[in-house]
Structure formats: C-alpha cells, structure tokens
Amino acid sequence: MVLIIPILIVNVIFVIIAFGINKKNAKYLLAGYNTMSMEQREKFDIEGFLIFFKKYFLQVAFYSTLIFIFLSLLVNPGAAIIGYTFSIILPTPYLIIMGNRFNK
C-alpha cells in the first residue's frame, strides 16, 4: 500500500504535463521546440504534436498503473516496481520518433 503513493504522485505529474502544456506555453516548456528559431517553429505542427503529446502522457500514466497493479497482485511488489519503471522508460523512444513526424 505504501508503494501506491509514489505511483499516484508520478501519475499526477504526468496528467499535469499532459493538460498543462499548450500552444501558448510550449515555446517555454517543450524541450527542442523552445530552442527552435521562429522559422522552424512555423514549419512545426505544434497543434498536432500537442494532441499526440497529451495522449501519450495520459496513456503512459494509465497503462503503467495497470501494469503496476497487475504485477503487484500476481507476482510481488518488487516485480511491480520493475514493471512500472520499464512501462515508463520503454515508450520514450516512441515519443521521440513519432514526435519527429510533426516537422514539416
């Protein structure tokens, strides 16, 4: 039960990231986008990327929690922590690779 508190904190952070970053503050908060020149930003589909970005973080929060719950019930808390960690780390290359498709 003690392990649930950190999981909830991380999930709240993911949800805040998903809903907190928008077109107005993206130029300050999104790594890579904040270092682009104005010309590069005009070529970048920020609206499409933010839809993808929001969906990604909400799905990572949801599925990583499911993995944690199932592994803690079926195996043990140690396996649940490892599974939770991998369920957050492994999709990160997907975010990077798919995020590049929004460059025009």
PDB file of N, CA and C in Angstrom:
ATOM      1  N   MET A   1       0.822  -1.200   0.000  1.00  0.00           N
ATOM      2  CA  MET A   1       0.000   0.000   0.000  1.00  0.00           C
ATOM      3  C   MET A   1       0.865   1.263   0.000  1.00  0.00           C
ATOM      4  N   VAL A   2       2.023   1.193   0.630  1.00  0.00           N
ATOM      5  CA  VAL A   2       2.926   2.338   0.687  1.00  0.00           C
ATOM      6  C   VAL A   2       3.424   2.699  -0.715  1.00  0.00           C
ATOM      7  N   LEU A   3       3.550   1.708  -1.580  1.00  0.00           N
ATOM      8  CA  LEU A   3       4.043   1.951  -2.937  1.00  0.00           C
ATOM      9  C   LEU A   3       3.044   2.711  -3.802  1.00  0.00           C
ATOM     10  N   ILE A   4       1.804   2.710  -3.422  1.00  0.00           N
ATOM     11  CA  ILE A   4       0.777   3.395  -4.215  1.00  0.00           C
ATOM     12  C   ILE A   4       0.990   4.907  -4.206  1.00  0.00           C
ATOM     13  N   ILE A   5       1.469   5.467  -3.114  1.00  0.00           N
ATOM     14  CA  ILE A   5       1.625   6.925  -3.001  1.00  0.00           C
ATOM     15  C   ILE A   5       2.612   7.469  -4.043  1.00  0.00           C
ATOM     16  N   PRO A   6       3.813   6.904  -4.187  1.00  0.00           N
ATOM     17  CA  PRO A   6       4.699   7.414  -5.246  1.00  0.00           C
ATOM     18  C   PRO A   6       4.142   7.226  -6.651  1.00  0.00           C
ATOM     19  N   ILE A   7       3.431   6.126  -6.871  1.00  0.00           N
ATOM     20  CA  ILE A   7       2.825   5.868  -8.173  1.00  0.00           C
ATOM     21  C   ILE A   7       1.792   6.947  -8.472  1.00  0.00           C
ATOM     22  N   LEU A   8       0.981   7.276  -7.496  1.00  0.00           N
ATOM     23  CA  LEU A   8      -0.023   8.322  -7.684  1.00  0.00           C
ATOM     24  C   LEU A   8       0.618   9.687  -7.920  1.00  0.00           C
ATOM     25  N   ILE A   9       1.691   9.971  -7.225  1.00  0.00           N
ATOM     26  CA  ILE A   9       2.391  11.254  -7.414  1.00  0.00           C
ATOM     27  C   ILE A   9       2.930  11.355  -8.844  1.00  0.00           C
ATOM     28  N   VAL A  10       3.562  10.289  -9.324  1.00  0.00           N
ATOM     29  CA  VAL A  10       4.093  10.297 -10.695  1.00  0.00           C
ATOM     30  C   VAL A  10       2.955  10.434 -11.702  1.00  0.00           C
ATOM     31  N   ASN A  11       1.859   9.736 -11.473  1.00  0.00           N
ATOM     32  CA  ASN A  11       0.722   9.833 -12.392  1.00  0.00           C
ATOM     33  C   ASN A  11       0.113  11.231 -12.400  1.00  0.00           C
ATOM     34  N   VAL A  12       0.037  11.855 -11.248  1.00  0.00           N
ATOM     35  CA  VAL A  12      -0.470  13.234 -11.187  1.00  0.00           C
ATOM     36  C   VAL A  12       0.459  14.157 -11.980  1.00  0.00           C
ATOM     37  N   ILE A  13       1.751  13.947 -11.870  1.00  0.00           N
ATOM     38  CA  ILE A  13       2.711  14.752 -12.638  1.00  0.00           C
ATOM     39  C   ILE A  13       2.504  14.533 -14.130  1.00  0.00           C
ATOM     40  N   PHE A  14       2.303  13.290 -14.558  1.00  0.00           N
ATOM     41  CA  PHE A  14       2.054  13.012 -15.974  1.00  0.00           C
ATOM     42  C   PHE A  14       0.781  13.702 -16.457  1.00  0.00           C
ATOM     43  N   VAL A  15      -0.257  13.670 -15.660  1.00  0.00           N
ATOM     44  CA  VAL A  15      -1.521  14.311 -16.047  1.00  0.00           C
ATOM     45  C   VAL A  15      -1.356  15.828 -16.097  1.00  0.00           C
ATOM     46  N   ILE A  16      -0.610  16.386 -15.155  1.00  0.00           N
ATOM     47  CA  ILE A  16      -0.341  17.828 -15.173  1.00  0.00           C
ATOM     48  C   ILE A  16       0.438  18.201 -16.430  1.00  0.00           C
ATOM     49  N   ILE A  17       1.414  17.387 -16.793  1.00  0.00           N
ATOM     50  CA  ILE A  17       2.174  17.637 -18.023  1.00  0.00           C
ATOM     51  C   ILE A  17       1.241  17.560 -19.229  1.00  0.00           C
ATOM     52  N   ALA A  18       0.398  16.538 -19.268  1.00  0.00           N
ATOM     53  CA  ALA A  18      -0.498  16.349 -20.411  1.00  0.00           C
ATOM     54  C   ALA A  18      -1.443  17.530 -20.591  1.00  0.00           C
ATOM     55  N   PHE A  19      -2.028  17.995 -19.508  1.00  0.00           N
ATOM     56  CA  PHE A  19      -3.001  19.082 -19.611  1.00  0.00           C
ATOM     57  C   PHE A  19      -2.380  20.467 -19.448  1.00  0.00           C
ATOM     58  N   GLY A  20      -1.175  20.529 -18.904  1.00  0.00           N
ATOM     59  CA  GLY A  20      -0.566  21.824 -18.610  1.00  0.00           C
ATOM     60  C   GLY A  20       0.153  22.468 -19.774  1.00  0.00           C
ATOM     61  N   ILE A  21       0.654  21.666 -20.702  1.00  0.00           N
ATOM     62  CA  ILE A  21       1.387  22.238 -21.826  1.00  0.00           C
ATOM     63  C   ILE A  21       0.417  22.492 -22.963  1.00  0.00           C
ATOM     64  N   ASN A  22       0.404  23.726 -23.417  1.00  0.00           N
ATOM     65  CA  ASN A  22      -0.466  24.127 -24.512  1.00  0.00           C
ATOM     66  C   ASN A  22       0.320  24.970 -25.498  1.00  0.00           C
ATOM     67  N   LYS A  23      -0.362  25.451 -26.514  1.00  0.00           N
ATOM     68  CA  LYS A  23       0.320  26.205 -27.572  1.00  0.00           C
ATOM     69  C   LYS A  23       0.959  27.487 -27.041  1.00  0.00           C
ATOM     70  N   LYS A  24       0.343  28.092 -26.045  1.00  0.00           N
ATOM     71  CA  LYS A  24       0.857  29.357 -25.515  1.00  0.00           C
ATOM     72  C   LYS A  24       2.159  29.186 -24.736  1.00  0.00           C
ATOM     73  N   ASN A  25       2.268  28.123 -23.969  1.00  0.00           N
ATOM     74  CA  ASN A  25       3.472  27.953 -23.153  1.00  0.00           C
ATOM     75  C   ASN A  25       4.461  26.930 -23.713  1.00  0.00           C
ATOM     76  N   ALA A  26       4.166  26.329 -24.858  1.00  0.00           N
ATOM     77  CA  ALA A  26       5.046  25.320 -25.443  1.00  0.00           C
ATOM     78  C   ALA A  26       6.412  25.886 -25.784  1.00  0.00           C
ATOM     79  N   LYS A  27       6.454  27.141 -26.196  1.00  0.00           N
ATOM     80  CA  LYS A  27       7.753  27.719 -26.564  1.00  0.00           C
ATOM     81  C   LYS A  27       8.659  27.905 -25.363  1.00  0.00           C
ATOM     82  N   TYR A  28       8.107  27.790 -24.169  1.00  0.00           N
ATOM     83  CA  TYR A  28       8.911  27.876 -22.953  1.00  0.00           C
ATOM     84  C   TYR A  28       9.171  26.508 -22.323  1.00  0.00           C
ATOM     85  N   LEU A  29       8.243  25.570 -22.494  1.00  0.00           N
ATOM     86  CA  LEU A  29       8.297  24.321 -21.741  1.00  0.00           C
ATOM     87  C   LEU A  29       8.702  23.079 -22.530  1.00  0.00           C
ATOM     88  N   LEU A  30       8.518  23.064 -23.838  1.00  0.00           N
ATOM     89  CA  LEU A  30       8.829  21.869 -24.609  1.00  0.00           C
ATOM     90  C   LEU A  30      10.286  21.874 -25.051  1.00  0.00           C
ATOM     91  N   ALA A  31      11.018  20.889 -24.595  1.00  0.00           N
ATOM     92  CA  ALA A  31      12.424  20.763 -24.985  1.00  0.00           C
ATOM     93  C   ALA A  31      12.502  20.552 -26.491  1.00  0.00           C
ATOM     94  N   GLY A  32      13.418  21.228 -27.104  1.00  0.00           N
ATOM     95  CA  GLY A  32      13.565  21.153 -28.552  1.00  0.00           C
ATOM     96  C   GLY A  32      12.776  22.241 -29.241  1.00  0.00           C
ATOM     97  N   TYR A  33      11.507  22.336 -28.915  1.00  0.00           N
ATOM     98  CA  TYR A  33      10.667  23.385 -29.503  1.00  0.00           C
ATOM     99  C   TYR A  33      11.094  24.754 -28.984  1.00  0.00           C
ATOM    100  N   ASN A  34      11.519  24.802 -27.734  1.00  0.00           N
ATOM    101  CA  ASN A  34      11.921  26.086 -27.152  1.00  0.00           C
ATOM    102  C   ASN A  34      13.243  26.590 -27.700  1.00  0.00           C
ATOM    103  N   THR A  35      14.020  25.732 -28.348  1.00  0.00           N
ATOM    104  CA  THR A  35      15.288  26.180 -28.924  1.00  0.00           C
ATOM    105  C   THR A  35      15.199  26.395 -30.433  1.00  0.00           C
ATOM    106  N   MET A  36      14.038  26.136 -31.026  1.00  0.00           N
ATOM    107  CA  MET A  36      13.865  26.342 -32.461  1.00  0.00           C
ATOM    108  C   MET A  36      13.798  27.828 -32.781  1.00  0.00           C
ATOM    109  N   SER A  37      14.245  28.147 -33.975  1.00  0.00           N
ATOM    110  CA  SER A  37      14.079  29.519 -34.447  1.00  0.00           C
ATOM    111  C   SER A  37      12.608  29.729 -34.802  1.00  0.00           C
ATOM    112  N   MET A  38      12.228  30.978 -34.996  1.00  0.00           N
ATOM    113  CA  MET A  38      10.836  31.279 -35.338  1.00  0.00           C
ATOM    114  C   MET A  38      10.464  30.613 -36.667  1.00  0.00           C
ATOM    115  N   GLU A  39      11.401  30.564 -37.590  1.00  0.00           N
ATOM    116  CA  GLU A  39      11.158  29.929 -38.887  1.00  0.00           C
ATOM    117  C   GLU A  39      10.903  28.431 -38.719  1.00  0.00           C
ATOM    118  N   GLN A  40      11.681  27.774 -37.864  1.00  0.00           N
ATOM    119  CA  GLN A  40      11.490  26.345 -37.620  1.00  0.00           C
ATOM    120  C   GLN A  40      10.167  26.092 -36.906  1.00  0.00           C
ATOM    121  N   ARG A  41       9.783  26.968 -35.993  1.00  0.00           N
ATOM    122  CA  ARG A  41       8.506  26.805 -35.287  1.00  0.00           C
ATOM    123  C   ARG A  41       7.332  26.909 -36.239  1.00  0.00           C
ATOM    124  N   GLU A  42       7.439  27.767 -37.238  1.00  0.00           N
ATOM    125  CA  GLU A  42       6.354  27.912 -38.210  1.00  0.00           C
ATOM    126  C   GLU A  42       6.196  26.652 -39.050  1.00  0.00           C
ATOM    127  N   LYS A  43       7.267  25.900 -39.246  1.00  0.00           N
ATOM    128  CA  LYS A  43       7.217  24.664 -40.018  1.00  0.00           C
ATOM    129  C   LYS A  43       6.754  23.472 -39.171  1.00  0.00           C
ATOM    130  N   PHE A  44       6.746  23.635 -37.877  1.00  0.00           N
ATOM    131  CA  PHE A  44       6.406  22.540 -36.962  1.00  0.00           C
ATOM    132  C   PHE A  44       4.912  22.569 -36.671  1.00  0.00           C
ATOM    133  N   ASP A  45       4.249  21.409 -36.771  1.00  0.00           N
ATOM    134  CA  ASP A  45       2.815  21.287 -36.489  1.00  0.00           C
ATOM    135  C   ASP A  45       2.599  21.136 -34.983  1.00  0.00           C
ATOM    136  N   ILE A  46       2.606  22.263 -34.294  1.00  0.00           N
ATOM    137  CA  ILE A  46       2.506  22.241 -32.829  1.00  0.00           C
ATOM    138  C   ILE A  46       1.149  21.738 -32.353  1.00  0.00           C
ATOM    139  N   GLU A  47       0.072  22.083 -33.080  1.00  0.00           N
ATOM    140  CA  GLU A  47      -1.255  21.621 -32.656  1.00  0.00           C
ATOM    141  C   GLU A  47      -1.346  20.097 -32.700  1.00  0.00           C
ATOM    142  N   GLY A  48      -0.880  19.514 -33.807  1.00  0.00           N
ATOM    143  CA  GLY A  48      -0.894  18.058 -33.927  1.00  0.00           C
ATOM    144  C   GLY A  48       0.006  17.394 -32.906  1.00  0.00           C
ATOM    145  N   PHE A  49       1.181  17.996 -32.688  1.00  0.00           N
ATOM    146  CA  PHE A  49       2.110  17.429 -31.717  1.00  0.00           C
ATOM    147  C   PHE A  49       1.515  17.460 -30.312  1.00  0.00           C
ATOM    148  N   LEU A  50       0.858  18.546 -29.945  1.00  0.00           N
ATOM    149  CA  LEU A  50       0.292  18.645 -28.595  1.00  0.00           C
ATOM    150  C   LEU A  50      -0.821  17.633 -28.371  1.00  0.00           C
ATOM    151  N   ILE A  51      -1.584  17.331 -29.417  1.00  0.00           N
ATOM    152  CA  ILE A  51      -2.609  16.273 -29.307  1.00  0.00           C
ATOM    153  C   ILE A  51      -1.924  14.930 -29.039  1.00  0.00           C
ATOM    154  N   PHE A  52      -0.889  14.635 -29.824  1.00  0.00           N
ATOM    155  CA  PHE A  52      -0.122  13.405 -29.646  1.00  0.00           C
ATOM    156  C   PHE A  52       0.530  13.366 -28.266  1.00  0.00           C
ATOM    157  N   PHE A  53       1.130  14.470 -27.841  1.00  0.00           N
ATOM    158  CA  PHE A  53       1.830  14.603 -26.567  1.00  0.00           C
ATOM    159  C   PHE A  53       0.886  14.336 -25.393  1.00  0.00           C
ATOM    160  N   LYS A  54      -0.290  14.935 -25.450  1.00  0.00           N
ATOM    161  CA  LYS A  54      -1.288  14.760 -24.385  1.00  0.00           C
ATOM    162  C   LYS A  54      -1.731  13.299 -24.299  1.00  0.00           C
ATOM    163  N   LYS A  55      -2.039  12.726 -25.454  1.00  0.00           N
ATOM    164  CA  LYS A  55      -2.473  11.333 -25.488  1.00  0.00           C
ATOM    165  C   LYS A  55      -1.375  10.408 -24.960  1.00  0.00           C
ATOM    166  N   TYR A  56      -0.135  10.675 -25.350  1.00  0.00           N
ATOM    167  CA  TYR A  56       0.992   9.856 -24.907  1.00  0.00           C
ATOM    168  C   TYR A  56       1.093   9.854 -23.382  1.00  0.00           C
ATOM    169  N   PHE A  57       1.111  11.025 -22.768  1.00  0.00           N
ATOM    170  CA  PHE A  57       1.289  11.084 -21.316  1.00  0.00           C
ATOM    171  C   PHE A  57       0.102  10.510 -20.555  1.00  0.00           C
ATOM    172  N   LEU A  58      -1.095  10.688 -21.061  1.00  0.00           N
ATOM    173  CA  LEU A  58      -2.258  10.087 -20.397  1.00  0.00           C
ATOM    174  C   LEU A  58      -2.208   8.565 -20.505  1.00  0.00           C
ATOM    175  N   GLN A  59      -1.806   8.052 -21.652  1.00  0.00           N
ATOM    176  CA  GLN A  59      -1.707   6.598 -21.818  1.00  0.00           C
ATOM    177  C   GLN A  59      -0.586   6.006 -20.970  1.00  0.00           C
ATOM    178  N   VAL A  60       0.539   6.697 -20.884  1.00  0.00           N
ATOM    179  CA  VAL A  60       1.634   6.195 -20.038  1.00  0.00           C
ATOM    180  C   VAL A  60       1.181   6.147 -18.582  1.00  0.00           C
ATOM    181  N   ALA A  61       0.499   7.175 -18.128  1.00  0.00           N
ATOM    182  CA  ALA A  61       0.005   7.184 -16.744  1.00  0.00           C
ATOM    183  C   ALA A  61      -0.969   6.030 -16.505  1.00  0.00           C
ATOM    184  N   PHE A  62      -1.890   5.824 -17.432  1.00  0.00           N
ATOM    185  CA  PHE A  62      -2.912   4.793 -17.268  1.00  0.00           C
ATOM    186  C   PHE A  62      -2.317   3.385 -17.338  1.00  0.00           C
ATOM    187  N   TYR A  63      -1.569   3.100 -18.400  1.00  0.00           N
ATOM    188  CA  TYR A  63      -1.064   1.734 -18.596  1.00  0.00           C
ATOM    189  C   TYR A  63       0.025   1.359 -17.604  1.00  0.00           C
ATOM    190  N   SER A  64       0.853   2.299 -17.222  1.00  0.00           N
ATOM    191  CA  SER A  64       1.878   1.973 -16.230  1.00  0.00           C
ATOM    192  C   SER A  64       1.235   1.631 -14.884  1.00  0.00           C
ATOM    193  N   THR A  65       0.161   2.311 -14.564  1.00  0.00           N
ATOM    194  CA  THR A  65      -0.564   1.998 -13.325  1.00  0.00           C
ATOM    195  C   THR A  65      -1.200   0.615 -13.397  1.00  0.00           C
ATOM    196  N   LEU A  66      -1.792   0.298 -14.544  1.00  0.00           N
ATOM    197  CA  LEU A  66      -2.372  -1.041 -14.705  1.00  0.00           C
ATOM    198  C   LEU A  66      -1.306  -2.120 -14.564  1.00  0.00           C
ATOM    199  N   ILE A  67      -0.171  -1.910 -15.180  1.00  0.00           N
ATOM    200  CA  ILE A  67       0.928  -2.870 -15.082  1.00  0.00           C
ATOM    201  C   ILE A  67       1.370  -3.021 -13.630  1.00  0.00           C
ATOM    202  N   PHE A  68       1.482  -1.909 -12.924  1.00  0.00           N
ATOM    203  CA  PHE A  68       1.875  -1.969 -11.518  1.00  0.00           C
ATOM    204  C   PHE A  68       0.860  -2.762 -10.692  1.00  0.00           C
ATOM    205  N   ILE A  69      -0.407  -2.474 -10.888  1.00  0.00           N
ATOM    206  CA  ILE A  69      -1.447  -3.158 -10.111  1.00  0.00           C
ATOM    207  C   ILE A  69      -1.449  -4.657 -10.403  1.00  0.00           C
ATOM    208  N   PHE A  70      -1.435  -5.020 -11.674  1.00  0.00           N
ATOM    209  CA  PHE A  70      -1.457  -6.438 -12.026  1.00  0.00           C
ATOM    210  C   PHE A  70      -0.231  -7.184 -11.508  1.00  0.00           C
ATOM    211  N   LEU A  71       0.948  -6.583 -11.659  1.00  0.00           N
ATOM    212  CA  LEU A  71       2.152  -7.262 -11.184  1.00  0.00           C
ATOM    213  C   LEU A  71       2.202  -7.349  -9.667  1.00  0.00           C
ATOM    214  N   SER A  72       1.696  -6.339  -8.978  1.00  0.00           N
ATOM    215  CA  SER A  72       1.703  -6.411  -7.510  1.00  0.00           C
ATOM    216  C   SER A  72       0.718  -7.458  -7.008  1.00  0.00           C
ATOM    217  N   LEU A  73      -0.372  -7.657  -7.736  1.00  0.00           N
ATOM    218  CA  LEU A  73      -1.346  -8.675  -7.336  1.00  0.00           C
ATOM    219  C   LEU A  73      -0.904 -10.078  -7.745  1.00  0.00           C
ATOM    220  N   LEU A  74      -0.308 -10.194  -8.931  1.00  0.00           N
ATOM    221  CA  LEU A  74       0.026 -11.520  -9.450  1.00  0.00           C
ATOM    222  C   LEU A  74       1.406 -12.014  -9.048  1.00  0.00           C
ATOM    223  N   VAL A  75       2.364 -11.112  -8.880  1.00  0.00           N
ATOM    224  CA  VAL A  75       3.729 -11.544  -8.598  1.00  0.00           C
ATOM    225  C   VAL A  75       4.136 -11.061  -7.213  1.00  0.00           C
ATOM    226  N   ASN A  76       4.754  -9.877  -7.157  1.00  0.00           N
ATOM    227  CA  ASN A  76       5.138  -9.292  -5.870  1.00  0.00           C
ATOM    228  C   ASN A  76       5.439  -7.803  -6.081  1.00  0.00           C
ATOM    229  N   PRO A  77       5.557  -7.046  -5.000  1.00  0.00           N
ATOM    230  CA  PRO A  77       5.792  -5.603  -5.142  1.00  0.00           C
ATOM    231  C   PRO A  77       7.101  -5.256  -5.859  1.00  0.00           C
ATOM    232  N   GLY A  78       8.133  -6.058  -5.693  1.00  0.00           N
ATOM    233  CA  GLY A  78       9.401  -5.796  -6.380  1.00  0.00           C
ATOM    234  C   GLY A  78       9.246  -5.877  -7.892  1.00  0.00           C
ATOM    235  N   ALA A  79       8.563  -6.905  -8.346  1.00  0.00           N
ATOM    236  CA  ALA A  79       8.306  -7.052  -9.785  1.00  0.00           C
ATOM    237  C   ALA A  79       7.412  -5.927 -10.285  1.00  0.00           C
ATOM    238  N   ALA A  80       6.498  -5.486  -9.438  1.00  0.00           N
ATOM    239  CA  ALA A  80       5.597  -4.397  -9.816  1.00  0.00           C
ATOM    240  C   ALA A  80       6.372  -3.101 -10.029  1.00  0.00           C
ATOM    241  N   ILE A  81       7.336  -2.836  -9.176  1.00  0.00           N
ATOM    242  CA  ILE A  81       8.151  -1.628  -9.312  1.00  0.00           C
ATOM    243  C   ILE A  81       8.985  -1.691 -10.584  1.00  0.00           C
ATOM    244  N   ILE A  82       9.575  -2.836 -10.849  1.00  0.00           N
ATOM    245  CA  ILE A  82      10.381  -3.010 -12.057  1.00  0.00           C
ATOM    246  C   ILE A  82       9.501  -2.866 -13.306  1.00  0.00           C
ATOM    247  N   GLY A  83       8.353  -3.499 -13.294  1.00  0.00           N
ATOM    248  CA  GLY A  83       7.424  -3.392 -14.425  1.00  0.00           C
ATOM    249  C   GLY A  83       6.952  -1.975 -14.635  1.00  0.00           C
ATOM    250  N   TYR A  84       6.658  -1.284 -13.545  1.00  0.00           N
ATOM    251  CA  TYR A  84       6.218   0.110 -13.636  1.00  0.00           C
ATOM    252  C   TYR A  84       7.317   0.975 -14.232  1.00  0.00           C
ATOM    253  N   THR A  85       8.537   0.785 -13.771  1.00  0.00           N
ATOM    254  CA  THR A  85       9.664   1.567 -14.278  1.00  0.00           C
ATOM    255  C   THR A  85       9.864   1.340 -15.772  1.00  0.00           C
ATOM    256  N   PHE A  86       9.849   0.081 -16.189  1.00  0.00           N
ATOM    257  CA  PHE A  86      10.015  -0.215 -17.607  1.00  0.00           C
ATOM    258  C   PHE A  86       8.843   0.298 -18.440  1.00  0.00           C
ATOM    259  N   SER A  87       7.640   0.290 -17.877  1.00  0.00           N
ATOM    260  CA  SER A  87       6.482   0.764 -18.633  1.00  0.00           C
ATOM    261  C   SER A  87       6.517   2.278 -18.840  1.00  0.00           C
ATOM    262  N   ILE A  88       7.342   2.963 -18.086  1.00  0.00           N
ATOM    263  CA  ILE A  88       7.523   4.402 -18.295  1.00  0.00           C
ATOM    264  C   ILE A  88       8.709   4.654 -19.232  1.00  0.00           C
ATOM    265  N   ILE A  89       9.780   3.890 -19.066  1.00  0.00           N
ATOM    266  CA  ILE A  89      11.004   4.125 -19.838  1.00  0.00           C
ATOM    267  C   ILE A  89      10.887   3.618 -21.279  1.00  0.00           C
ATOM    268  N   LEU A  90      10.340   2.437 -21.480  1.00  0.00           N
ATOM    269  CA  LEU A  90      10.322   1.835 -22.812  1.00  0.00           C
ATOM    270  C   LEU A  90       9.549   2.633 -23.867  1.00  0.00           C
ATOM    271  N   PRO A  91       8.449   3.296 -23.554  1.00  0.00           N
ATOM    272  CA  PRO A  91       7.745   4.061 -24.601  1.00  0.00           C
ATOM    273  C   PRO A  91       8.409   5.390 -24.968  1.00  0.00           C
ATOM    274  N   THR A  92       9.437   5.799 -24.246  1.00  0.00           N
ATOM    275  CA  THR A  92      10.061   7.097 -24.506  1.00  0.00           C
ATOM    276  C   THR A  92      10.639   7.209 -25.917  1.00  0.00           C
ATOM    277  N   PRO A  93      11.329   6.198 -26.450  1.00  0.00           N
ATOM    278  CA  PRO A  93      11.774   6.321 -27.851  1.00  0.00           C
ATOM    279  C   PRO A  93      10.617   6.511 -28.829  1.00  0.00           C
ATOM    280  N   TYR A  94       9.475   5.920 -28.524  1.00  0.00           N
ATOM    281  CA  TYR A  94       8.282   6.111 -29.362  1.00  0.00           C
ATOM    282  C   TYR A  94       7.892   7.587 -29.389  1.00  0.00           C
ATOM    283  N   LEU A  95       7.919   8.239 -28.244  1.00  0.00           N
ATOM    284  CA  LEU A  95       7.610   9.673 -28.169  1.00  0.00           C
ATOM    285  C   LEU A  95       8.568  10.473 -29.029  1.00  0.00           C
ATOM    286  N   ILE A  96       9.831  10.140 -28.974  1.00  0.00           N
ATOM    287  CA  ILE A  96      10.853  10.877 -29.719  1.00  0.00           C
ATOM    288  C   ILE A  96      10.700  10.633 -31.221  1.00  0.00           C
ATOM    289  N   ILE A  97      10.577   9.381 -31.612  1.00  0.00           N
ATOM    290  CA  ILE A  97      10.497   9.038 -33.036  1.00  0.00           C
ATOM    291  C   ILE A  97       9.204   9.571 -33.650  1.00  0.00           C
ATOM    292  N   MET A  98       8.093   9.338 -33.001  1.00  0.00           N
ATOM    293  CA  MET A  98       6.815   9.791 -33.549  1.00  0.00           C
ATOM    294  C   MET A  98       6.674  11.312 -33.461  1.00  0.00           C
ATOM    295  N   GLY A  99       7.324  11.928 -32.495  1.00  0.00           N
ATOM    296  CA  GLY A  99       7.280  13.372 -32.385  1.00  0.00           C
ATOM    297  C   GLY A  99       7.967  14.064 -33.547  1.00  0.00           C
ATOM    298  N   ASN A 100       8.936  13.389 -34.158  1.00  0.00           N
ATOM    299  CA  ASN A 100       9.645  13.962 -35.299  1.00  0.00           C
ATOM    300  C   ASN A 100       8.788  14.061 -36.548  1.00  0.00           C
ATOM    301  N   ARG A 101       7.701  13.322 -36.616  1.00  0.00           N
ATOM    302  CA  ARG A 101       6.854  13.372 -37.806  1.00  0.00           C
ATOM    303  C   ARG A 101       6.073  14.680 -37.922  1.00  0.00           C
ATOM    304  N   PHE A 102       6.101  15.497 -36.895  1.00  0.00           N
ATOM    305  CA  PHE A 102       5.373  16.766 -36.924  1.00  0.00           C
ATOM    306  C   PHE A 102       6.194  17.890 -37.532  1.00  0.00           C
ATOM    307  N   ASN A 103       7.443  17.606 -37.883  1.00  0.00           N
ATOM    308  CA  ASN A 103       8.251  18.580 -38.641  1.00  0.00           C
ATOM    309  C   ASN A 103       7.767  18.571 -40.082  1.00  0.00           C
ATOM    310  N   LYS A 104       7.495  19.742 -40.617  1.00  0.00           N
ATOM    311  CA  LYS A 104       7.003  19.826 -41.999  1.00  0.00           C
ATOM    312  C   LYS A 104       8.142  20.017 -42.956  1.00  0.00           C
TER     313      LYS A 104
END
